[in-house]
PDB file of N, CA and C in Angstrom:
ATOM      1  N   MET A   1     -11.383  79.427   5.355  1.00  0.00           N
ATOM      2  CA  MET A   1     -10.000  79.659   4.992  1.00  0.00           C
ATOM      3  C   MET A   1      -9.129  79.292   6.194  1.00  0.00           C
ATOM      4  N   THR A   2      -8.126  78.495   5.965  1.00  0.00           N
ATOM      5  CA  THR A   2      -7.260  78.055   7.057  1.00  0.00           C
ATOM      6  C   THR A   2      -6.215  79.122   7.384  1.00  0.00           C
ATOM      7  N   ALA A   3      -5.556  78.934   8.492  1.00  0.00           N
ATOM      8  CA  ALA A   3      -4.519  79.881   8.903  1.00  0.00           C
ATOM      9  C   ALA A   3      -3.361  79.888   7.908  1.00  0.00           C
ATOM     10  N   THR A   4      -3.089  78.734   7.313  1.00  0.00           N
ATOM     11  CA  THR A   4      -2.013  78.656   6.323  1.00  0.00           C
ATOM     12  C   THR A   4      -2.350  79.488   5.092  1.00  0.00           C
ATOM     13  N   GLN A   5      -3.576  79.369   4.623  1.00  0.00           N
ATOM     14  CA  GLN A   5      -4.006  80.147   3.461  1.00  0.00           C
ATOM     15  C   GLN A   5      -3.985  81.640   3.762  1.00  0.00           C
ATOM     16  N   THR A   6      -4.446  82.004   4.936  1.00  0.00           N
ATOM     17  CA  THR A   6      -4.433  83.406   5.334  1.00  0.00           C
ATOM     18  C   THR A   6      -3.007  83.929   5.412  1.00  0.00           C
ATOM     19  N   GLY A   7      -2.102  83.132   5.944  1.00  0.00           N
ATOM     20  CA  GLY A   7      -0.703  83.544   6.039  1.00  0.00           C
ATOM     21  C   GLY A   7      -0.059  83.730   4.681  1.00  0.00           C
ATOM     22  N   ILE A   8      -0.365  82.822   3.749  1.00  0.00           N
ATOM     23  CA  ILE A   8       0.195  82.941   2.403  1.00  0.00           C
ATOM     24  C   ILE A   8      -0.318  84.203   1.717  1.00  0.00           C
ATOM     25  N   ILE A   9      -1.610  84.449   1.811  1.00  0.00           N
ATOM     26  CA  ILE A   9      -2.189  85.645   1.190  1.00  0.00           C
ATOM     27  C   ILE A   9      -1.612  86.911   1.819  1.00  0.00           C
ATOM     28  N   SER A  10      -1.489  86.918   3.136  1.00  0.00           N
ATOM     29  CA  SER A  10      -0.911  88.084   3.815  1.00  0.00           C
ATOM     30  C   SER A  10       0.525  88.322   3.369  1.00  0.00           C
ATOM     31  N   GLY A  11       1.294  87.255   3.253  1.00  0.00           N
ATOM     32  CA  GLY A  11       2.678  87.385   2.808  1.00  0.00           C
ATOM     33  C   GLY A  11       2.777  87.925   1.398  1.00  0.00           C
ATOM     34  N   LEU A  12       1.902  87.456   0.513  1.00  0.00           N
ATOM     35  CA  LEU A  12       1.905  87.959  -0.860  1.00  0.00           C
ATOM     36  C   LEU A  12       1.537  89.438  -0.926  1.00  0.00           C
ATOM     37  N   ILE A  13       0.547  89.831  -0.156  1.00  0.00           N
ATOM     38  CA  ILE A  13       0.138  91.245  -0.142  1.00  0.00           C
ATOM     39  C   ILE A  13       1.250  92.113   0.422  1.00  0.00           C
ATOM     40  N   LEU A  14       1.894  91.666   1.507  1.00  0.00           N
ATOM     41  CA  LEU A  14       3.003  92.434   2.073  1.00  0.00           C
ATOM     42  C   LEU A  14       4.174  92.498   1.103  1.00  0.00           C
ATOM     43  N   GLY A  15       4.405  91.419   0.363  1.00  0.00           N
ATOM     44  CA  GLY A  15       5.463  91.424  -0.640  1.00  0.00           C
ATOM     45  C   GLY A  15       5.189  92.425  -1.741  1.00  0.00           C
ATOM     46  N   LEU A  16       3.942  92.495  -2.191  1.00  0.00           N
ATOM     47  CA  LEU A  16       3.578  93.487  -3.203  1.00  0.00           C
ATOM     48  C   LEU A  16       3.744  94.908  -2.670  1.00  0.00           C
ATOM     49  N   ALA A  17       3.369  95.112  -1.416  1.00  0.00           N
ATOM     50  CA  ALA A  17       3.512  96.442  -0.821  1.00  0.00           C
ATOM     51  C   ALA A  17       4.986  96.810  -0.686  1.00  0.00           C
ATOM     52  N   ALA A  18       5.830  95.838  -0.403  1.00  0.00           N
ATOM     53  CA  ALA A  18       7.265  96.102  -0.252  1.00  0.00           C
ATOM     54  C   ALA A  18       7.888  96.544  -1.570  1.00  0.00           C
ATOM     55  N   THR A  19       7.331  96.085  -2.687  1.00  0.00           N
ATOM     56  CA  THR A  19       7.878  96.504  -3.985  1.00  0.00           C
ATOM     57  C   THR A  19       7.542  97.959  -4.283  1.00  0.00           C
ATOM     58  N   GLN A  20       6.542  98.502  -3.612  1.00  0.00           N
ATOM     59  CA  GLN A  20       6.135  99.889  -3.826  1.00  0.00           C
ATOM     60  C   GLN A  20       6.918 100.866  -2.947  1.00  0.00           C
ATOM     61  N   GLY A  21       7.604 100.359  -1.970  1.00  0.00           N
ATOM     62  CA  GLY A  21       8.381 101.201  -1.070  1.00  0.00           C
ATOM     63  C   GLY A  21       8.173 100.791   0.375  1.00  0.00           C
ATOM     64  N   PHE A  22       9.079 101.244   1.207  1.00  0.00           N
ATOM     65  CA  PHE A  22       9.045 100.856   2.617  1.00  0.00           C
ATOM     66  C   PHE A  22       7.834 101.441   3.337  1.00  0.00           C
ATOM     67  N   THR A  23       7.435 102.661   2.981  1.00  0.00           N
ATOM     68  CA  THR A  23       6.280 103.288   3.625  1.00  0.00           C
ATOM     69  C   THR A  23       5.002 102.509   3.325  1.00  0.00           C
ATOM     70  N   ALA A  24       4.829 102.088   2.079  1.00  0.00           N
ATOM     71  CA  ALA A  24       3.650 101.294   1.718  1.00  0.00           C
ATOM     72  C   ALA A  24       3.660  99.966   2.463  1.00  0.00           C
ATOM     73  N   PHE A  25       4.829  99.390   2.639  1.00  0.00           N
ATOM     74  CA  PHE A  25       4.960  98.140   3.390  1.00  0.00           C
ATOM     75  C   PHE A  25       4.510  98.331   4.833  1.00  0.00           C
ATOM     76  N   LEU A  26       4.971  99.401   5.466  1.00  0.00           N
ATOM     77  CA  LEU A  26       4.597  99.653   6.862  1.00  0.00           C
ATOM     78  C   LEU A  26       3.113  99.925   7.011  1.00  0.00           C
ATOM     79  N   ILE A  27       2.544 100.702   6.095  1.00  0.00           N
ATOM     80  CA  ILE A  27       1.108 100.996   6.159  1.00  0.00           C
ATOM     81  C   ILE A  27       0.300  99.713   6.006  1.00  0.00           C
ATOM     82  N   THR A  28       0.699  98.866   5.061  1.00  0.00           N
ATOM     83  CA  THR A  28       0.009  97.597   4.848  1.00  0.00           C
ATOM     84  C   THR A  28       0.132  96.705   6.074  1.00  0.00           C
ATOM     85  N   LEU A  29       1.291  96.666   6.674  1.00  0.00           N
ATOM     86  CA  LEU A  29       1.505  95.846   7.860  1.00  0.00           C
ATOM     87  C   LEU A  29       0.645  96.321   9.027  1.00  0.00           C
ATOM     88  N   VAL A  30       0.602  97.627   9.260  1.00  0.00           N
ATOM     89  CA  VAL A  30      -0.193  98.181  10.361  1.00  0.00           C
ATOM     90  C   VAL A  30      -1.684  97.919  10.132  1.00  0.00           C
ATOM     91  N   LEU A  31      -2.161  98.145   8.915  1.00  0.00           N
ATOM     92  CA  LEU A  31      -3.566  97.897   8.627  1.00  0.00           C
ATOM     93  C   LEU A  31      -3.905  96.412   8.745  1.00  0.00           C
ATOM     94  N   GLY A  32      -2.962  95.560   8.397  1.00  0.00           N
ATOM     95  CA  GLY A  32      -3.172  94.128   8.557  1.00  0.00           C
ATOM     96  C   GLY A  32      -3.310  93.729  10.016  1.00  0.00           C
ATOM     97  N   VAL A  33      -2.494  94.306  10.863  1.00  0.00           N
ATOM     98  CA  VAL A  33      -2.567  94.008  12.297  1.00  0.00           C
ATOM     99  C   VAL A  33      -3.887  94.522  12.871  1.00  0.00           C
ATOM    100  N   ILE A  34      -4.307  95.707  12.453  1.00  0.00           N
ATOM    101  CA  ILE A  34      -5.591  96.248  12.905  1.00  0.00           C
ATOM    102  C   ILE A  34      -6.732  95.326  12.455  1.00  0.00           C
ATOM    103  N   GLY A  35      -6.673  94.873  11.219  1.00  0.00           N
ATOM    104  CA  GLY A  35      -7.689  93.950  10.718  1.00  0.00           C
ATOM    105  C   GLY A  35      -7.708  92.638  11.484  1.00  0.00           C
ATOM    106  N   LEU A  36      -6.535  92.143  11.842  1.00  0.00           N
ATOM    107  CA  LEU A  36      -6.449  90.917  12.626  1.00  0.00           C
ATOM    108  C   LEU A  36      -7.115  91.086  13.985  1.00  0.00           C
ATOM    109  N   VAL A  37      -6.833  92.195  14.649  1.00  0.00           N
ATOM    110  CA  VAL A  37      -7.412  92.441  15.974  1.00  0.00           C
ATOM    111  C   VAL A  37      -8.929  92.580  15.879  1.00  0.00           C
ATOM    112  N   VAL A  38      -9.408  93.327  14.896  1.00  0.00           N
ATOM    113  CA  VAL A  38     -10.856  93.496  14.728  1.00  0.00           C
ATOM    114  C   VAL A  38     -11.512  92.149  14.421  1.00  0.00           C
ATOM    115  N   GLY A  39     -10.900  91.355  13.567  1.00  0.00           N
ATOM    116  CA  GLY A  39     -11.441  90.042  13.252  1.00  0.00           C
ATOM    117  C   GLY A  39     -11.504  89.132  14.456  1.00  0.00           C
ATOM    118  N   ARG A  40     -10.462  89.163  15.283  1.00  0.00           N
ATOM    119  CA  ARG A  40     -10.443  88.340  16.503  1.00  0.00           C
ATOM    120  C   ARG A  40     -11.541  88.769  17.469  1.00  0.00           C
ATOM    121  N   VAL A  41     -11.747  90.102  17.592  1.00  0.00           N
ATOM    122  CA  VAL A  41     -12.781  90.607  18.490  1.00  0.00           C
ATOM    123  C   VAL A  41     -14.158  90.173  17.985  1.00  0.00           C
ATOM    124  N   LEU A  42     -14.392  90.306  16.682  1.00  0.00           N
ATOM    125  CA  LEU A  42     -15.690  89.935  16.123  1.00  0.00           C
ATOM    126  C   LEU A  42     -15.945  88.431  16.209  1.00  0.00           C
ATOM    127  N   ASP A  43     -14.899  87.625  16.136  1.00  0.00           N
ATOM    128  CA  ASP A  43     -15.032  86.178  16.274  1.00  0.00           C
ATOM    129  C   ASP A  43     -15.202  85.749  17.729  1.00  0.00           C
ATOM    130  N   GLY A  44     -14.945  86.658  18.638  1.00  0.00           N
ATOM    131  CA  GLY A  44     -15.058  86.330  20.056  1.00  0.00           C
ATOM    132  C   GLY A  44     -13.826  85.651  20.614  1.00  0.00           C
ATOM    133  N   LYS A  45     -12.718  85.670  19.886  1.00  0.00           N
ATOM    134  CA  LYS A  45     -11.493  85.019  20.337  1.00  0.00           C
ATOM    135  C   LYS A  45     -10.574  85.972  21.102  1.00  0.00           C
ATOM    136  N   LEU A  46     -10.942  87.245  21.143  1.00  0.00           N
ATOM    137  CA  LEU A  46     -10.124  88.237  21.835  1.00  0.00           C
ATOM    138  C   LEU A  46     -11.042  89.154  22.612  1.00  0.00           C
ATOM    139  N   ASP A  47     -10.756  89.288  23.897  1.00  0.00           N
ATOM    140  CA  ASP A  47     -11.540  90.170  24.750  1.00  0.00           C
ATOM    141  C   ASP A  47     -10.857  91.529  24.813  1.00  0.00           C
ATOM    142  N   VAL A  48     -11.585  92.569  24.413  1.00  0.00           N
ATOM    143  CA  VAL A  48     -11.002  93.913  24.368  1.00  0.00           C
ATOM    144  C   VAL A  48     -10.607  94.379  25.774  1.00  0.00           C
ATOM    145  N   GLY A  49     -11.353  93.950  26.772  1.00  0.00           N
ATOM    146  CA  GLY A  49     -11.039  94.310  28.152  1.00  0.00           C
ATOM    147  C   GLY A  49      -9.670  93.817  28.583  1.00  0.00           C
ATOM    148  N   GLU A  50      -9.254  92.663  28.062  1.00  0.00           N
ATOM    149  CA  GLU A  50      -7.932  92.130  28.396  1.00  0.00           C
ATOM    150  C   GLU A  50      -6.815  92.965  27.775  1.00  0.00           C
ATOM    151  N   LEU A  51      -7.095  93.571  26.615  1.00  0.00           N
ATOM    152  CA  LEU A  51      -6.073  94.388  25.956  1.00  0.00           C
ATOM    153  C   LEU A  51      -5.776  95.660  26.739  1.00  0.00           C
ATOM    154  N   PHE A  52      -6.804  96.252  27.304  1.00  0.00           N
ATOM    155  CA  PHE A  52      -6.649  97.556  27.965  1.00  0.00           C
ATOM    156  C   PHE A  52      -6.697  97.471  29.473  1.00  0.00           C
ATOM    157  N   GLY A  53      -6.516  96.319  30.025  1.00  0.00           N
ATOM    158  CA  GLY A  53      -6.528  96.147  31.470  1.00  0.00           C
ATOM    159  C   GLY A  53      -7.868  95.587  31.922  1.00  0.00           C
ATOM    160  N   LYS A  54      -8.090  95.630  33.191  1.00  0.00           N
ATOM    161  CA  LYS A  54      -9.305  95.052  33.745  1.00  0.00           C
ATOM    162  C   LYS A  54     -10.556  95.844  33.393  1.00  0.00           C
ATOM    163  N   GLY A  55     -10.406  97.133  33.145  1.00  0.00           N
ATOM    164  CA  GLY A  55     -11.559  97.953  32.758  1.00  0.00           C
ATOM    165  C   GLY A  55     -12.449  98.272  33.935  1.00  0.00           C
ATOM    166  N   ARG A  56     -13.744  98.052  33.754  1.00  0.00           N
ATOM    167  CA  ARG A  56     -14.730  98.446  34.746  1.00  0.00           C
ATOM    168  C   ARG A  56     -14.900  97.433  35.883  1.00  0.00           C
ATOM    169  N   ASP A  57     -14.224  96.292  35.789  1.00  0.00           N
ATOM    170  CA  ASP A  57     -14.414  95.237  36.788  1.00  0.00           C
ATOM    171  C   ASP A  57     -13.919  95.639  38.170  1.00  0.00           C
ATOM    172  N   GLN A  58     -12.995  96.573  38.250  1.00  0.00           N
ATOM    173  CA  GLN A  58     -12.440  96.924  39.566  1.00  0.00           C
ATOM    174  C   GLN A  58     -13.191  98.066  40.184  1.00  0.00           C
TER     175      GLN A  58
END
């Protein structure tokens, strides 16, 4: 799935959540961001140590 397809699907899901109310929209948005971060970590494209500082390296 390309980034364009993922973006379109995400936009449609957020649009559906927005029709249910602002709270549902925010919950969907937050869960989407969490899913994005977890997916990036599992793909190896995001280092968790960089998110929280240097970690144990110092």
